[in-house]
Structures are given as structure tokens and as C-alpha cells.
Amino acid sequence: MTMNDVTGVPLRLYRANLELQARIGSLLQQSGTHWLDFAQRLAGDGIAESNAELATVLKAGDWEKLATLPVDIFWRQLQQRVGDSQEAAQIAVNAQTEFAGGVQEALIAWQKETAEALASAKDAGVDAATLDAWRGLQDAWAALLQPPGTGAPPPKKPAGARKQ
């Protein structure tokens, strides 16, 4: 059995869909790993900071030094939290950008594999109306996958679509 017969087309489409799902699943795992790494680092920093503050309190030898510790600790923690917020925002932007780029690449690969499978469908004897419907769907995907600001034309409406 060759990939050009009618049964090969659904197999190729199914394989393309499975590959898309696997890639998106992998991207979700990578994104989750980035966030877990950040949370672990943040927790470790908090523990180290608490230990350092406790050591400072234990080493204080006079009442005057003990009296100034809460103010010193407050300002140190405030500065640390501002830094943590900035780092969290940067991690969020980077993770989202990486995830969105990966999804876009996965969808482009899926679109290419689907187009190749449908091209072979014509050779396998699939009727023209079915292929035209798939082309319309793929045109819509192509428009969605264009990077913002590239001036991509809007997707074409299928021949039977009603005007609103």
C-alpha cells in the first residue's frame, strides 16, 4: 500500500495531528518547568534570607542594635520583593514569548504536513469539492499564523458562505 492511495491520506492527517498535539504538550511541559524552577529559586532565596536575618538577631550584642533590626530587615525585604517582582515579570514575558513561538512553529509544521497529505489526496482520487473545502480551511490557518503586522490578507470566504 502506498501513501498515495485513499487510505494513506487519513493516516497522514492523523499523524500530523498527533505530532501537533505532542509538540504542544511538550511546550506546556517546558513552560511549567520554567515556572517551577523560578518558584524553587524564590523559595530557596527566601529561606536563605530568613536564615541570615535569624543569624543577625542571634549575633546582636546590645539592645540598640536589636531595636534597629526590624527597620533594616523591612527595607532589605522590600528591595528584595521589588527585584523578585521584576524577575517574575521578565520570566513571564520570556516564557509566554517562547511558548507562543513554539506553538506557531508547531502549527506551521502541521499546516505543511496537512497540505502535503492533501496534495497526495488529489493523486489518490479524492474529489475536488473536498479538496477545495480543505484549501479554504488552510487559507484561514495561514492568515492566523502570520506574524502580527505583516499585512497578510484576510482569509478567503468559502464559495457557499453568506454575506452578513
C-alpha atoms as a PDB file:
ATOM      1  CA  MET A   1       0.000   0.000   0.000  1.00  0.00           C
ATOM      2  CA  THR A   2       1.405   3.377  -0.940  1.00  0.00           C
ATOM      3  CA  MET A   3       0.806   6.744   0.707  1.00  0.00           C
ATOM      4  CA  ASN A   4      -0.885   7.913  -2.495  1.00  0.00           C
ATOM      5  CA  ASP A   5      -3.909   5.659  -2.096  1.00  0.00           C
ATOM      6  CA  VAL A   6      -7.077   6.910  -0.399  1.00  0.00           C
ATOM      7  CA  THR A   7      -6.321   5.220   2.951  1.00  0.00           C
ATOM      8  CA  GLY A   8      -2.901   6.877   3.169  1.00  0.00           C
ATOM      9  CA  VAL A   9      -4.397  10.386   3.309  1.00  0.00           C
ATOM     10  CA  PRO A  10      -6.275   9.932   6.608  1.00  0.00           C
ATOM     11  CA  LEU A  11      -3.199   8.243   8.086  1.00  0.00           C
ATOM     12  CA  ARG A  12      -1.006  11.205   7.151  1.00  0.00           C
ATOM     13  CA  LEU A  13      -3.564  13.669   8.522  1.00  0.00           C
ATOM     14  CA  TYR A  14      -3.869  11.669  11.745  1.00  0.00           C
ATOM     15  CA  ARG A  15      -0.076  11.558  12.112  1.00  0.00           C
ATOM     16  CA  ALA A  16       0.151  15.326  11.544  1.00  0.00           C
ATOM     17  CA  ASN A  17      -2.465  15.921  14.246  1.00  0.00           C
ATOM     18  CA  LEU A  18      -0.689  13.623  16.708  1.00  0.00           C
ATOM     19  CA  GLU A  19       2.612  15.402  16.086  1.00  0.00           C
ATOM     20  CA  LEU A  20       0.912  18.758  16.684  1.00  0.00           C
ATOM     21  CA  GLN A  21      -0.591  17.542  19.961  1.00  0.00           C
ATOM     22  CA  ALA A  22       2.735  16.089  21.106  1.00  0.00           C
ATOM     23  CA  ARG A  23       4.568  19.342  20.325  1.00  0.00           C
ATOM     24  CA  ILE A  24       2.017  21.480  22.171  1.00  0.00           C
ATOM     25  CA  GLY A  25       2.173  19.077  25.135  1.00  0.00           C
ATOM     26  CA  SER A  26       5.953  19.383  25.168  1.00  0.00           C
ATOM     27  CA  LEU A  27       5.703  23.189  25.064  1.00  0.00           C
ATOM     28  CA  LEU A  28       3.303  23.144  28.027  1.00  0.00           C
ATOM     29  CA  GLN A  29       5.736  20.964  30.000  1.00  0.00           C
ATOM     30  CA  GLN A  30       8.646  23.276  29.207  1.00  0.00           C
ATOM     31  CA  SER A  31       6.628  26.298  30.291  1.00  0.00           C
ATOM     32  CA  GLY A  32       5.658  24.585  33.538  1.00  0.00           C
ATOM     33  CA  THR A  33       9.297  23.683  34.175  1.00  0.00           C
ATOM     34  CA  HIS A  34      10.327  27.337  33.800  1.00  0.00           C
ATOM     35  CA  TRP A  35       7.766  28.355  36.428  1.00  0.00           C
ATOM     36  CA  LEU A  36       8.705  25.541  38.810  1.00  0.00           C
ATOM     37  CA  ASP A  37      12.389  26.476  38.545  1.00  0.00           C
ATOM     38  CA  PHE A  38      11.535  30.093  39.347  1.00  0.00           C
ATOM     39  CA  ALA A  39       9.363  29.113  42.327  1.00  0.00           C
ATOM     40  CA  GLN A  40      12.087  26.809  43.660  1.00  0.00           C
ATOM     41  CA  ARG A  41      14.718  29.531  43.332  1.00  0.00           C
ATOM     42  CA  LEU A  42      12.415  32.063  45.006  1.00  0.00           C
ATOM     43  CA  ALA A  43      11.728  29.692  47.909  1.00  0.00           C
ATOM     44  CA  GLY A  44      15.446  28.953  48.303  1.00  0.00           C
ATOM     45  CA  ASP A  45      16.231  32.672  48.348  1.00  0.00           C
ATOM     46  CA  GLY A  46      13.546  33.234  50.986  1.00  0.00           C
ATOM     47  CA  ILE A  47      14.942  30.504  53.204  1.00  0.00           C
ATOM     48  CA  ALA A  48      18.489  31.857  52.871  1.00  0.00           C
ATOM     49  CA  GLU A  49      17.248  35.370  53.651  1.00  0.00           C
ATOM     50  CA  SER A  50      15.369  34.187  56.760  1.00  0.00           C
ATOM     51  CA  ASN A  51      18.409  32.287  57.979  1.00  0.00           C
ATOM     52  CA  ALA A  52      20.605  35.354  57.509  1.00  0.00           C
ATOM     53  CA  GLU A  53      18.138  37.524  59.432  1.00  0.00           C
ATOM     54  CA  LEU A  54      17.942  34.989  62.245  1.00  0.00           C
ATOM     55  CA  ALA A  55      21.745  34.858  62.428  1.00  0.00           C
ATOM     56  CA  THR A  56      21.819  38.668  62.641  1.00  0.00           C
ATOM     57  CA  VAL A  57      19.361  38.649  65.539  1.00  0.00           C
ATOM     58  CA  LEU A  58      21.339  35.966  67.363  1.00  0.00           C
ATOM     59  CA  LYS A  59      24.607  37.871  66.888  1.00  0.00           C
ATOM     60  CA  ALA A  60      23.221  41.202  68.105  1.00  0.00           C
ATOM     61  CA  GLY A  61      25.017  42.038  71.317  1.00  0.00           C
ATOM     62  CA  ASP A  62      23.157  45.087  72.525  1.00  0.00           C
ATOM     63  CA  TRP A  63      19.630  46.466  72.764  1.00  0.00           C
ATOM     64  CA  GLU A  64      20.299  49.346  70.425  1.00  0.00           C
ATOM     65  CA  LYS A  65      21.275  47.026  67.577  1.00  0.00           C
ATOM     66  CA  LEU A  66      18.260  44.796  68.264  1.00  0.00           C
ATOM     67  CA  ALA A  67      15.961  47.826  68.143  1.00  0.00           C
ATOM     68  CA  THR A  68      17.116  48.788  64.621  1.00  0.00           C
ATOM     69  CA  LEU A  69      16.843  45.261  63.176  1.00  0.00           C
ATOM     70  CA  PRO A  70      13.109  45.390  62.241  1.00  0.00           C
ATOM     71  CA  VAL A  71      13.613  48.567  60.182  1.00  0.00           C
ATOM     72  CA  ASP A  72      16.729  47.186  58.476  1.00  0.00           C
ATOM     73  CA  ILE A  73      15.001  43.892  57.724  1.00  0.00           C
ATOM     74  CA  PHE A  74      11.920  45.680  56.359  1.00  0.00           C
ATOM     75  CA  TRP A  75      13.929  47.727  53.853  1.00  0.00           C
ATOM     76  CA  ARG A  76      16.011  44.732  52.802  1.00  0.00           C
ATOM     77  CA  GLN A  77      12.873  42.650  52.227  1.00  0.00           C
ATOM     78  CA  LEU A  78      11.165  45.478  50.359  1.00  0.00           C
ATOM     79  CA  GLN A  79      14.103  45.788  47.973  1.00  0.00           C
ATOM     80  CA  GLN A  80      14.186  42.004  47.526  1.00  0.00           C
ATOM     81  CA  ARG A  81      10.440  41.839  46.709  1.00  0.00           C
ATOM     82  CA  VAL A  82      10.757  44.595  44.101  1.00  0.00           C
ATOM     83  CA  GLY A  83      13.585  42.624  42.480  1.00  0.00           C
ATOM     84  CA  ASP A  84      11.514  39.419  42.673  1.00  0.00           C
ATOM     85  CA  SER A  85       8.551  41.151  41.001  1.00  0.00           C
ATOM     86  CA  GLN A  86      10.721  42.419  38.166  1.00  0.00           C
ATOM     87  CA  GLU A  87      12.268  38.991  37.698  1.00  0.00           C
ATOM     88  CA  ALA A  88       8.833  37.317  37.722  1.00  0.00           C
ATOM     89  CA  ALA A  89       7.576  39.730  35.078  1.00  0.00           C
ATOM     90  CA  GLN A  90      10.619  39.067  32.898  1.00  0.00           C
ATOM     91  CA  ILE A  91      10.232  35.303  33.299  1.00  0.00           C
ATOM     92  CA  ALA A  92       6.531  35.586  32.404  1.00  0.00           C
ATOM     93  CA  VAL A  93       7.280  37.572  29.255  1.00  0.00           C
ATOM     94  CA  ASN A  94      10.066  35.198  28.193  1.00  0.00           C
ATOM     95  CA  ALA A  95       8.027  32.065  28.919  1.00  0.00           C
ATOM     96  CA  GLN A  96       4.991  33.365  27.059  1.00  0.00           C
ATOM     97  CA  THR A  97       7.059  34.513  24.083  1.00  0.00           C
ATOM     98  CA  GLU A  98       8.834  31.156  23.887  1.00  0.00           C
ATOM     99  CA  PHE A  99       5.549  29.255  24.224  1.00  0.00           C
ATOM    100  CA  ALA A 100       3.760  31.345  21.586  1.00  0.00           C
ATOM    101  CA  GLY A 101       6.678  30.995  19.164  1.00  0.00           C
ATOM    102  CA  GLY A 102       6.759  27.235  19.715  1.00  0.00           C
ATOM    103  CA  VAL A 103       3.023  26.915  19.131  1.00  0.00           C
ATOM    104  CA  GLN A 104       3.322  28.989  15.962  1.00  0.00           C
ATOM    105  CA  GLU A 105       6.159  26.761  14.693  1.00  0.00           C
ATOM    106  CA  ALA A 106       4.160  23.628  15.544  1.00  0.00           C
ATOM    107  CA  LEU A 107       1.097  24.934  13.701  1.00  0.00           C
ATOM    108  CA  ILE A 108       3.158  25.874  10.658  1.00  0.00           C
ATOM    109  CA  ALA A 109       4.672  22.365  10.584  1.00  0.00           C
ATOM    110  CA  TRP A 110       1.175  20.878  10.981  1.00  0.00           C
ATOM    111  CA  GLN A 111      -0.128  23.049   8.159  1.00  0.00           C
ATOM    112  CA  LYS A 112       2.733  21.948   5.889  1.00  0.00           C
ATOM    113  CA  GLU A 113       2.207  18.254   6.664  1.00  0.00           C
ATOM    114  CA  THR A 114      -1.538  18.608   6.146  1.00  0.00           C
ATOM    115  CA  ALA A 115      -1.020  20.394   2.831  1.00  0.00           C
ATOM    116  CA  GLU A 116       1.321  17.637   1.659  1.00  0.00           C
ATOM    117  CA  ALA A 117      -1.197  14.967   2.663  1.00  0.00           C
ATOM    118  CA  LEU A 118      -3.975  16.782   0.840  1.00  0.00           C
ATOM    119  CA  ALA A 119      -1.811  17.236  -2.233  1.00  0.00           C
ATOM    120  CA  SER A 120      -1.356  13.479  -2.315  1.00  0.00           C
ATOM    121  CA  ALA A 121      -5.141  13.106  -1.892  1.00  0.00           C
ATOM    122  CA  LYS A 122      -5.707  14.533  -5.352  1.00  0.00           C
ATOM    123  CA  ASP A 123      -3.446  11.841  -6.770  1.00  0.00           C
ATOM    124  CA  ALA A 124      -5.375   9.258  -4.740  1.00  0.00           C
ATOM    125  CA  GLY A 125      -8.686  10.256  -6.306  1.00  0.00           C
ATOM    126  CA  VAL A 126     -10.315  12.424  -3.624  1.00  0.00           C
ATOM    127  CA  ASP A 127     -12.961  14.673  -5.204  1.00  0.00           C
ATOM    128  CA  ALA A 128     -12.235  18.335  -5.956  1.00  0.00           C
ATOM    129  CA  ALA A 129     -15.010  19.712  -3.688  1.00  0.00           C
ATOM    130  CA  THR A 130     -13.439  18.070  -0.639  1.00  0.00           C
ATOM    131  CA  LEU A 131     -10.005  19.394  -1.549  1.00  0.00           C
ATOM    132  CA  ASP A 132     -11.416  22.905  -2.099  1.00  0.00           C
ATOM    133  CA  ALA A 133     -13.007  22.825   1.355  1.00  0.00           C
ATOM    134  CA  TRP A 134      -9.669  21.830   2.897  1.00  0.00           C
ATOM    135  CA  ARG A 135      -7.868  24.587   0.983  1.00  0.00           C
ATOM    136  CA  GLY A 136     -10.314  27.142   2.391  1.00  0.00           C
ATOM    137  CA  LEU A 137      -9.600  25.883   5.895  1.00  0.00           C
ATOM    138  CA  GLN A 138      -5.878  26.045   5.273  1.00  0.00           C
ATOM    139  CA  ASP A 139      -6.107  29.591   3.922  1.00  0.00           C
ATOM    140  CA  ALA A 140      -7.781  30.606   7.182  1.00  0.00           C
ATOM    141  CA  TRP A 141      -4.980  28.923   9.181  1.00  0.00           C
ATOM    142  CA  ALA A 142      -2.340  30.602   7.035  1.00  0.00           C
ATOM    143  CA  ALA A 143      -3.813  34.018   7.836  1.00  0.00           C
ATOM    144  CA  LEU A 144      -3.874  33.233  11.565  1.00  0.00           C
ATOM    145  CA  LEU A 145      -0.271  32.039  11.570  1.00  0.00           C
ATOM    146  CA  GLN A 146       1.156  35.198  10.017  1.00  0.00           C
ATOM    147  CA  PRO A 147       3.205  37.254  12.469  1.00  0.00           C
ATOM    148  CA  PRO A 148       1.421  40.453  13.535  1.00  0.00           C
ATOM    149  CA  GLY A 149       1.970  43.453  11.294  1.00  0.00           C
ATOM    150  CA  THR A 150       2.986  41.518   8.177  1.00  0.00           C
ATOM    151  CA  GLY A 151      -0.032  42.747   6.279  1.00  0.00           C
ATOM    152  CA  ALA A 152      -1.288  39.264   5.473  1.00  0.00           C
ATOM    153  CA  PRO A 153      -4.532  39.287   3.502  1.00  0.00           C
ATOM    154  CA  PRO A 154      -7.686  38.201   5.366  1.00  0.00           C
ATOM    155  CA  PRO A 155      -8.782  34.587   4.816  1.00  0.00           C
ATOM    156  CA  LYS A 156     -10.917  33.923   1.762  1.00  0.00           C
ATOM    157  CA  LYS A 157     -14.569  33.083   2.369  1.00  0.00           C
ATOM    158  CA  PRO A 158     -15.762  29.728   1.017  1.00  0.00           C
ATOM    159  CA  ALA A 159     -17.862  29.995  -2.150  1.00  0.00           C
ATOM    160  CA  GLY A 160     -21.078  28.995  -0.339  1.00  0.00           C
ATOM    161  CA  ALA A 161     -20.703  31.454   2.586  1.00  0.00           C
ATOM    162  CA  ARG A 162     -23.433  34.034   3.143  1.00  0.00           C
ATOM    163  CA  LYS A 163     -22.655  37.749   3.348  1.00  0.00           C
ATOM    164  CA  GLN A 164     -23.592  39.458   6.599  1.00  0.00           C
END
